[in-house]
């Protein structure tokens, strides 16, 4: 798996946990990272997995 995608996924999970623990606005960061991951995966041809 791509290292950038893995890092973004872990960071998105961290933002998701923060949205439950601290403030709901952290979910914006998680949504942005998930969107970036989708763009990276479809651009590089990983959608065949």
PDB file of N, CA and C in Angstrom:
ATOM      1  N   UNK A   1       0.846  -1.181   0.000  1.00  0.00           N
ATOM      2  CA  UNK A   1       0.000   0.000   0.000  1.00  0.00           C
ATOM      3  C   UNK A   1       0.887   1.239   0.000  1.00  0.00           C
ATOM      4  N   UNK A   2       0.370   2.289  -0.555  1.00  0.00           N
ATOM      5  CA  UNK A   2       1.076   3.553  -0.623  1.00  0.00           C
ATOM      6  C   UNK A   2       1.257   4.136   0.783  1.00  0.00           C
ATOM      7  N   UNK A   3       2.456   4.608   1.077  1.00  0.00           N
ATOM      8  CA  UNK A   3       2.740   5.159   2.400  1.00  0.00           C
ATOM      9  C   UNK A   3       1.936   6.404   2.709  1.00  0.00           C
ATOM     10  N   UNK A   4       1.726   7.243   1.704  1.00  0.00           N
ATOM     11  CA  UNK A   4       0.947   8.469   1.909  1.00  0.00           C
ATOM     12  C   UNK A   4      -0.503   8.144   2.245  1.00  0.00           C
ATOM     13  N   UNK A   5      -1.061   7.154   1.578  1.00  0.00           N
ATOM     14  CA  UNK A   5      -2.443   6.755   1.836  1.00  0.00           C
ATOM     15  C   UNK A   5      -2.571   6.170   3.237  1.00  0.00           C
ATOM     16  N   UNK A   6      -1.599   5.373   3.635  1.00  0.00           N
ATOM     17  CA  UNK A   6      -1.620   4.784   4.969  1.00  0.00           C
ATOM     18  C   UNK A   6      -1.532   5.862   6.044  1.00  0.00           C
ATOM     19  N   UNK A   7      -0.637   6.823   5.857  1.00  0.00           N
ATOM     20  CA  UNK A   7      -0.494   7.915   6.818  1.00  0.00           C
ATOM     21  C   UNK A   7      -1.775   8.745   6.902  1.00  0.00           C
ATOM     22  N   UNK A   8      -2.378   9.053   5.753  1.00  0.00           N
ATOM     23  CA  UNK A   8      -3.623   9.825   5.746  1.00  0.00           C
ATOM     24  C   UNK A   8      -4.756   9.060   6.427  1.00  0.00           C
ATOM     25  N   UNK A   9      -4.794   7.750   6.248  1.00  0.00           N
ATOM     26  CA  UNK A   9      -5.850   6.951   6.869  1.00  0.00           C
ATOM     27  C   UNK A   9      -5.721   6.939   8.387  1.00  0.00           C
ATOM     28  N   UNK A  10      -4.504   6.788   8.872  1.00  0.00           N
ATOM     29  CA  UNK A  10      -4.286   6.794  10.322  1.00  0.00           C
ATOM     30  C   UNK A  10      -4.609   8.163  10.902  1.00  0.00           C
ATOM     31  N   UNK A  11      -4.213   9.214  10.202  1.00  0.00           N
ATOM     32  CA  UNK A  11      -4.509  10.569  10.660  1.00  0.00           C
ATOM     33  C   UNK A  11      -6.015  10.840  10.645  1.00  0.00           C
ATOM     34  N   UNK A  12      -6.718  10.318   9.643  1.00  0.00           N
ATOM     35  CA  UNK A  12      -8.169  10.482   9.582  1.00  0.00           C
ATOM     36  C   UNK A  12      -8.846   9.766  10.748  1.00  0.00           C
ATOM     37  N   UNK A  13      -8.356   8.579  11.101  1.00  0.00           N
ATOM     38  CA  UNK A  13      -8.910   7.880  12.265  1.00  0.00           C
ATOM     39  C   UNK A  13      -8.653   8.651  13.552  1.00  0.00           C
ATOM     40  N   UNK A  14      -7.485   9.284  13.636  1.00  0.00           N
ATOM     41  CA  UNK A  14      -7.166  10.110  14.798  1.00  0.00           C
ATOM     42  C   UNK A  14      -8.121  11.303  14.887  1.00  0.00           C
ATOM     43  N   UNK A  15      -8.377  11.963  13.759  1.00  0.00           N
ATOM     44  CA  UNK A  15      -9.322  13.084  13.749  1.00  0.00           C
ATOM     45  C   UNK A  15     -10.729  12.614  14.097  1.00  0.00           C
ATOM     46  N   UNK A  16     -11.087  11.421  13.647  1.00  0.00           N
ATOM     47  CA  UNK A  16     -12.406  10.886  13.968  1.00  0.00           C
ATOM     48  C   UNK A  16     -12.538  10.627  15.466  1.00  0.00           C
ATOM     49  N   UNK A  17     -11.489  10.096  16.077  1.00  0.00           N
ATOM     50  CA  UNK A  17     -11.507   9.878  17.527  1.00  0.00           C
ATOM     51  C   UNK A  17     -11.586  11.209  18.266  1.00  0.00           C
ATOM     52  N   UNK A  18     -10.858  12.214  17.784  1.00  0.00           N
ATOM     53  CA  UNK A  18     -10.923  13.530  18.416  1.00  0.00           C
ATOM     54  C   UNK A  18     -12.309  14.148  18.292  1.00  0.00           C
ATOM     55  N   UNK A  19     -12.993  13.850  17.202  1.00  0.00           N
ATOM     56  CA  UNK A  19     -14.335  14.410  17.041  1.00  0.00           C
ATOM     57  C   UNK A  19     -15.306  13.820  18.058  1.00  0.00           C
ATOM     58  N   UNK A  20     -15.079  12.586  18.474  1.00  0.00           N
ATOM     59  CA  UNK A  20     -15.934  12.002  19.502  1.00  0.00           C
ATOM     60  C   UNK A  20     -15.523  12.442  20.901  1.00  0.00           C
ATOM     61  N   UNK A  21     -14.223  12.631  21.127  1.00  0.00           N
ATOM     62  CA  UNK A  21     -13.733  12.949  22.466  1.00  0.00           C
ATOM     63  C   UNK A  21     -13.811  14.443  22.791  1.00  0.00           C
ATOM     64  N   UNK A  22     -13.433  15.306  21.830  1.00  0.00           N
ATOM     65  CA  UNK A  22     -13.263  16.720  22.144  1.00  0.00           C
ATOM     66  C   UNK A  22     -14.346  17.585  21.510  1.00  0.00           C
ATOM     67  N   UNK A  23     -14.350  17.650  20.175  1.00  0.00           N
ATOM     68  CA  UNK A  23     -15.269  18.559  19.497  1.00  0.00           C
ATOM     69  C   UNK A  23     -15.653  17.964  18.151  1.00  0.00           C
ATOM     70  N   UNK A  24     -16.875  18.164  17.746  1.00  0.00           N
ATOM     71  CA  UNK A  24     -17.368  17.565  16.520  1.00  0.00           C
ATOM     72  C   UNK A  24     -16.745  18.175  15.274  1.00  0.00           C
ATOM     73  N   UNK A  25     -16.118  19.343  15.386  1.00  0.00           N
ATOM     74  CA  UNK A  25     -15.524  20.005  14.219  1.00  0.00           C
ATOM     75  C   UNK A  25     -14.288  19.279  13.689  1.00  0.00           C
ATOM     76  N   UNK A  26     -13.707  18.382  14.482  1.00  0.00           N
ATOM     77  CA  UNK A  26     -12.563  17.608  14.004  1.00  0.00           C
ATOM     78  C   UNK A  26     -12.951  16.670  12.864  1.00  0.00           C
ATOM     79  N   UNK A  27     -14.249  16.431  12.705  1.00  0.00           N
ATOM     80  CA  UNK A  27     -14.684  15.539  11.629  1.00  0.00           C
ATOM     81  C   UNK A  27     -14.403  16.151  10.260  1.00  0.00           C
ATOM     82  N   UNK A  28     -14.263  17.469  10.193  1.00  0.00           N
ATOM     83  CA  UNK A  28     -13.944  18.124   8.920  1.00  0.00           C
ATOM     84  C   UNK A  28     -12.579  17.661   8.417  1.00  0.00           C
ATOM     85  N   UNK A  29     -11.611  17.574   9.324  1.00  0.00           N
ATOM     86  CA  UNK A  29     -10.288  17.085   8.942  1.00  0.00           C
ATOM     87  C   UNK A  29     -10.327  15.650   8.458  1.00  0.00           C
ATOM     88  N   UNK A  30     -11.136  14.822   9.119  1.00  0.00           N
ATOM     89  CA  UNK A  30     -11.247  13.421   8.706  1.00  0.00           C
ATOM     90  C   UNK A  30     -11.872  13.305   7.322  1.00  0.00           C
ATOM     91  N   UNK A  31     -12.891  14.098   7.068  1.00  0.00           N
ATOM     92  CA  UNK A  31     -13.548  14.055   5.758  1.00  0.00           C
ATOM     93  C   UNK A  31     -12.597  14.521   4.663  1.00  0.00           C
ATOM     94  N   UNK A  32     -11.832  15.564   4.928  1.00  0.00           N
ATOM     95  CA  UNK A  32     -10.865  16.047   3.941  1.00  0.00           C
ATOM     96  C   UNK A  32      -9.798  14.996   3.637  1.00  0.00           C
ATOM     97  N   UNK A  33      -9.305  14.326   4.671  1.00  0.00           N
ATOM     98  CA  UNK A  33      -8.284  13.302   4.451  1.00  0.00           C
ATOM     99  C   UNK A  33      -8.835  12.097   3.695  1.00  0.00           C
ATOM    100  N   UNK A  34     -10.070  11.727   3.970  1.00  0.00           N
ATOM    101  CA  UNK A  34     -10.687  10.623   3.239  1.00  0.00           C
ATOM    102  C   UNK A  34     -10.859  10.999   1.769  1.00  0.00           C
ATOM    103  N   UNK A  35     -11.242  12.242   1.515  1.00  0.00           N
ATOM    104  CA  UNK A  35     -11.379  12.715   0.133  1.00  0.00           C
ATOM    105  C   UNK A  35     -10.032  12.699  -0.590  1.00  0.00           C
ATOM    106  N   UNK A  36      -8.987  13.147   0.094  1.00  0.00           N
ATOM    107  CA  UNK A  36      -7.641  13.139  -0.494  1.00  0.00           C
ATOM    108  C   UNK A  36      -7.203  11.709  -0.791  1.00  0.00           C
ATOM    109  N   UNK A  37      -7.497  10.787   0.114  1.00  0.00           N
ATOM    110  CA  UNK A  37      -7.142   9.379  -0.114  1.00  0.00           C
ATOM    111  C   UNK A  37      -7.860   8.812  -1.337  1.00  0.00           C
ATOM    112  N   UNK A  38      -9.124   9.145  -1.492  1.00  0.00           N
ATOM    113  CA  UNK A  38      -9.852   8.659  -2.655  1.00  0.00           C
ATOM    114  C   UNK A  38      -9.244   9.194  -3.938  1.00  0.00           C
ATOM    115  N   UNK A  39      -8.852  10.458  -3.916  1.00  0.00           N
ATOM    116  CA  UNK A  39      -8.223  11.047  -5.102  1.00  0.00           C
ATOM    117  C   UNK A  39      -6.887  10.367  -5.406  1.00  0.00           C
ATOM    118  N   UNK A  40      -6.093  10.098  -4.364  1.00  0.00           N
ATOM    119  CA  UNK A  40      -4.804   9.441  -4.566  1.00  0.00           C
ATOM    120  C   UNK A  40      -4.971   8.025  -5.104  1.00  0.00           C
ATOM    121  N   UNK A  41      -5.929   7.299  -4.555  1.00  0.00           N
ATOM    122  CA  UNK A  41      -6.114   5.910  -4.970  1.00  0.00           C
ATOM    123  C   UNK A  41      -6.651   5.804  -6.391  1.00  0.00           C
ATOM    124  N   UNK A  42      -7.545   6.685  -6.776  1.00  0.00           N
ATOM    125  CA  UNK A  42      -8.093   6.605  -8.129  1.00  0.00           C
ATOM    126  C   UNK A  42      -7.119   7.161  -9.154  1.00  0.00           C
ATOM    127  N   UNK A  43      -6.302   8.120  -8.769  1.00  0.00           N
ATOM    128  CA  UNK A  43      -5.349   8.711  -9.704  1.00  0.00           C
ATOM    129  C   UNK A  43      -4.229   7.739 -10.044  1.00  0.00           C
ATOM    130  N   UNK A  44      -3.796   6.958  -9.077  1.00  0.00           N
ATOM    131  CA  UNK A  44      -2.651   6.077  -9.285  1.00  0.00           C
ATOM    132  C   UNK A  44      -3.041   4.691  -9.772  1.00  0.00           C
ATOM    133  N   UNK A  45      -4.312   4.449  -9.998  1.00  0.00           N
ATOM    134  CA  UNK A  45      -4.726   3.170 -10.549  1.00  0.00           C
ATOM    135  C   UNK A  45      -4.872   2.070  -9.522  1.00  0.00           C
ATOM    136  N   UNK A  46      -4.999   2.421  -8.248  1.00  0.00           N
ATOM    137  CA  UNK A  46      -5.177   1.404  -7.221  1.00  0.00           C
ATOM    138  C   UNK A  46      -6.622   0.932  -7.140  1.00  0.00           C
ATOM    139  N   UNK A  47      -7.504   1.500  -7.934  1.00  0.00           N
ATOM    140  CA  UNK A  47      -8.909   1.104  -7.872  1.00  0.00           C
ATOM    141  C   UNK A  47      -9.125  -0.319  -8.389  1.00  0.00           C
ATOM    142  N   UNK A  48      -8.111  -0.913  -9.010  1.00  0.00           N
ATOM    143  CA  UNK A  48      -8.223  -2.283  -9.506  1.00  0.00           C
ATOM    144  C   UNK A  48      -8.118  -3.313  -8.389  1.00  0.00           C
ATOM    145  N   UNK A  49      -7.736  -2.875  -7.192  1.00  0.00           N
ATOM    146  CA  UNK A  49      -7.624  -3.805  -6.074  1.00  0.00           C
ATOM    147  C   UNK A  49      -8.998  -4.265  -5.719  1.00  0.00           C
TER     148      UNK A  49
END
